[in-house]
Protein backbone atom coordinates (compact mmCIF):
# COMPACT_ATOMS: atom_id res chain seq x y z
CA UNK A 1 -0.19 -0.03 0.03
CA UNK A 2 2.01 3.53 -0.77
CA UNK A 3 1.49 6.61 1.38
CA UNK A 4 -0.61 8.32 -1.34
CA UNK A 5 -3.74 6.24 -0.79
CA UNK A 6 -3.50 6.90 3.37
CA UNK A 7 -3.28 10.20 2.24
CA UNK A 8 -6.46 9.80 0.22
CA UNK A 9 -9.39 11.64 1.96
CA UNK A 10 -11.98 9.71 -1.36
CA UNK A 11 -10.79 6.51 -0.63
CA UNK A 12 -14.17 5.07 -0.12
CA UNK A 13 -17.86 5.58 -2.49
CA UNK A 14 -21.19 4.84 -1.83
CA UNK A 15 -22.57 3.30 -5.26
CA UNK A 16 -26.26 2.82 -4.51
CA UNK A 17 -28.78 5.77 -3.17
CA UNK A 18 -30.53 2.83 -1.52
CA UNK A 19 -27.54 1.09 -0.01
CA UNK A 20 -25.24 3.55 1.16
CA UNK A 21 -23.12 0.93 2.78
CA UNK A 22 -22.42 -0.81 0.00
CA UNK A 23 -18.94 1.22 -0.91
CA UNK A 24 -16.48 1.16 -3.56
CA UNK A 25 -12.80 2.46 -3.81
CA UNK A 26 -10.84 5.04 -5.98
CA UNK A 27 -7.37 6.06 -4.86
CA UNK A 28 -4.35 7.70 -7.11
CA UNK A 29 -0.90 6.66 -5.61
CA UNK A 30 2.55 7.60 -7.12
CA UNK A 31 2.04 5.41 -10.17
CA UNK A 32 -1.70 4.59 -10.67
CA UNK A 33 -5.09 5.45 -10.93
CA UNK A 34 -6.94 2.70 -8.91
CA UNK A 35 -10.57 1.85 -8.89
CA UNK A 36 -12.79 -1.38 -7.17
CA UNK A 37 -16.39 -0.84 -7.36
CA UNK A 38 -19.29 -3.58 -7.29
CA UNK A 39 -21.44 -3.46 -9.79
CA UNK A 40 -25.35 -2.65 -8.78
CA UNK A 41 -28.68 -4.14 -10.76
CA UNK A 42 -32.62 -3.40 -10.08
CA UNK A 43 -31.30 0.23 -9.66
CA UNK A 44 -28.65 0.31 -7.42
CA UNK A 45 -30.61 -2.00 -4.63
CA UNK A 46 -28.61 -5.04 -5.50
CA UNK A 47 -24.76 -5.45 -5.49
CA UNK A 48 -23.75 -7.76 -8.34
CA UNK A 49 -20.56 -8.25 -9.76
CA UNK A 50 -17.10 -5.75 -9.52
CA UNK A 51 -15.61 -3.45 -11.81
CA UNK A 52 -11.52 -3.20 -10.95
CA UNK A 53 -8.92 -1.27 -13.12
CA UNK A 54 -5.56 -0.09 -12.37
CA UNK A 55 -4.82 2.53 -14.99
CA UNK A 56 -1.24 3.55 -14.87
CA UNK A 57 -0.89 7.61 -14.86
CA UNK A 58 1.35 8.04 -18.05
CA UNK A 59 -1.59 5.86 -19.88
CA UNK A 60 -4.51 8.39 -18.42
CA UNK A 61 -5.18 11.94 -20.69
CA UNK A 62 -8.21 13.11 -19.55
CA UNK A 63 -10.41 13.04 -16.13
CA UNK A 64 -13.96 14.43 -15.46
CA UNK A 65 -17.03 14.49 -13.45
CA UNK A 66 -20.75 15.15 -15.01
CA UNK A 67 -24.18 14.74 -13.44
CA UNK A 68 -26.74 13.18 -15.69
CA UNK A 69 -30.44 12.14 -14.69
CA UNK A 70 -32.02 8.47 -16.05
CA UNK A 71 -35.27 10.20 -17.23
CA UNK A 72 -36.89 6.28 -16.86
CA UNK A 73 -35.70 5.89 -13.49
CA UNK A 74 -37.01 9.77 -12.38
CA UNK A 75 -40.82 8.98 -14.20
CA UNK A 76 -40.94 5.26 -12.37
CA UNK A 77 -39.83 6.25 -8.93
CA UNK A 78 -42.54 9.31 -8.98
CA UNK A 79 -45.71 6.99 -10.79
CA UNK A 80 -45.05 4.19 -7.65
CA UNK A 81 -44.71 6.99 -5.14
CA UNK A 82 -47.91 8.60 -6.48
CA UNK A 83 -49.45 5.03 -6.62
CA UNK A 84 -48.20 4.51 -2.65
CA UNK A 85 -49.94 8.44 -2.01
CA UNK A 86 -52.71 7.17 -3.52
CA UNK A 87 -53.29 3.47 -1.99
CA UNK A 88 -52.31 5.34 1.73
CA UNK A 89 -56.27 5.50 2.50
CA UNK A 90 -56.40 1.81 1.92
CA UNK A 91 -53.72 0.42 3.31
CA UNK A 92 -50.82 2.81 5.56
CA UNK A 93 -48.46 0.01 4.99
CA UNK A 94 -48.86 -0.76 1.58
CA UNK A 95 -48.81 3.12 1.15
CA UNK A 96 -45.55 4.30 2.80
CA UNK A 97 -43.70 0.77 0.76
CA UNK A 98 -44.47 2.22 -2.23
CA UNK A 99 -43.73 5.74 -1.34
CA UNK A 100 -40.22 4.51 -0.16
CA UNK A 101 -39.64 2.62 -2.95
CA UNK A 102 -40.44 5.32 -5.59
CA UNK A 103 -38.40 8.13 -4.31
CA UNK A 104 -35.45 5.40 -3.57
CA UNK A 105 -36.49 4.76 -7.76
CA UNK A 106 -36.65 8.23 -8.90
CA UNK A 107 -33.36 9.06 -6.39
CA UNK A 108 -31.51 6.75 -8.17
CA UNK A 109 -32.05 8.26 -11.53
CA UNK A 110 -29.69 11.31 -10.42
CA UNK A 111 -26.62 10.05 -11.51
CA UNK A 112 -23.10 11.47 -10.72
CA UNK A 113 -20.30 10.20 -13.24
CA UNK A 114 -16.77 9.99 -12.41
CA UNK A 115 -14.77 9.66 -15.76
CA UNK A 116 -11.24 9.33 -17.39
CA UNK A 117 -9.62 7.90 -20.60
CA UNK A 118 -7.17 5.25 -20.43
CA UNK A 119 -5.18 4.88 -23.77
CA UNK A 120 -8.18 7.15 -25.83
CA UNK A 121 -10.65 4.79 -24.29
CA UNK A 122 -13.54 5.92 -21.93
CA UNK A 123 -13.71 4.75 -18.53
CA UNK A 124 -16.91 5.79 -16.19
CA UNK A 125 -17.87 5.04 -12.81
CA UNK A 126 -21.79 6.11 -12.12
CA UNK A 127 -22.48 7.23 -8.07
CA UNK A 128 -25.32 8.04 -6.73
CA UNK A 129 -25.93 12.20 -6.69
CA UNK A 130 -24.88 12.59 -2.93
CA UNK A 131 -21.50 11.57 -3.80
CA UNK A 132 -20.19 14.44 -6.11
CA UNK A 133 -18.59 16.68 -3.73
CA UNK A 134 -16.33 13.70 -3.95
CA UNK A 135 -16.03 12.89 -7.41
CA UNK A 136 -14.94 16.56 -7.50
CA UNK A 137 -12.35 16.02 -5.20
CA UNK A 138 -11.09 12.82 -6.55
CA UNK A 139 -10.82 14.46 -10.24
CA UNK A 140 -8.71 17.52 -8.60
CA UNK A 141 -6.39 14.77 -6.54
CA UNK A 142 -6.04 12.50 -9.72
CA UNK A 143 -5.76 16.03 -11.67
CA UNK A 144 -2.62 17.10 -9.81
CA UNK A 145 -0.64 13.27 -9.58
CA UNK A 146 -1.14 13.72 -13.74
CA UNK A 147 0.45 17.09 -13.50
CA UNK A 148 3.23 16.07 -10.98
CA UNK A 149 3.97 12.94 -12.97
CA UNK A 150 4.44 14.92 -16.36
CA UNK A 151 6.50 17.65 -14.57
CA UNK A 152 8.62 14.53 -13.05
CA UNK A 153 9.12 13.35 -16.70
CA UNK A 154 9.95 16.16 -18.43
CA UNK A 155 13.27 16.45 -19.40
CA UNK A 156 13.93 19.86 -20.84
CA UNK A 157 13.28 20.76 -16.82
CA UNK A 158 15.11 18.05 -14.79
CA UNK A 159 17.86 18.86 -17.39
CA UNK A 160 18.37 22.66 -17.00
CA UNK A 161 17.97 21.45 -12.76
CA UNK A 162 20.78 19.37 -12.99
CA UNK A 163 22.81 22.38 -15.32
CA UNK A 164 21.73 24.63 -12.38
CA UNK A 165 22.98 22.53 -9.55
CA UNK A 166 26.13 21.96 -11.12
CA UNK A 167 26.56 25.25 -12.29
CA UNK A 168 26.23 27.16 -8.45
CA UNK A 169 28.57 23.60 -7.01
CA UNK A 170 31.14 25.11 -9.53
CA UNK A 171 30.65 28.06 -8.66
CA UNK A 172 31.73 27.19 -5.25
C-alpha cells in the first residue's frame, strides 16, 4: 500500500442510494489510479459483481465529472410514489412502502459520473448524486497527480535543474 493511498480522503464511495453501506474504492498513488467498485442491479439496490481497474498514470489523458438524469427511472419512481400516496387511504403500510420505493427509484435516476480516458478509451463510474463532492475532489487529486507525474518526466526541465545545480556547485 502506498503512502498516497493512506493520505487520500476519497478512498470510499457509496455506489447506491438505497444501500449507502455498499462502498467502492477509488484512489491515486504515485504511479497508478485504482478503481474497485461493486456493480449494482435493480436501480442500484442490489450489488452484483465488481468493476476493477488499475491504470498507469502515463496512460490517463482526461479526467472529468458530470451529472446525468435517467428520465425513465425518475418517471417510474414518481409514478410508484404517487401510487403509494393514492393507496395510503386503503392500506397505510402498503402506501408507505410504495412511497419509499418510489423515492428510492426516483433518486437512483440522478447520477454523478466520474470518467477518465485510458489510452483513448473512456471509463465511467456512476455514483449516487450525494457523492458529487467526493467525485470532484477525486478528480482534482487525480489531475494534480497527473500534473506531477508529467512534470517529473519533463526532460528539459529536469536537465535544466541539473545544469543549474552543477553551475552552483562549480561556482563554489
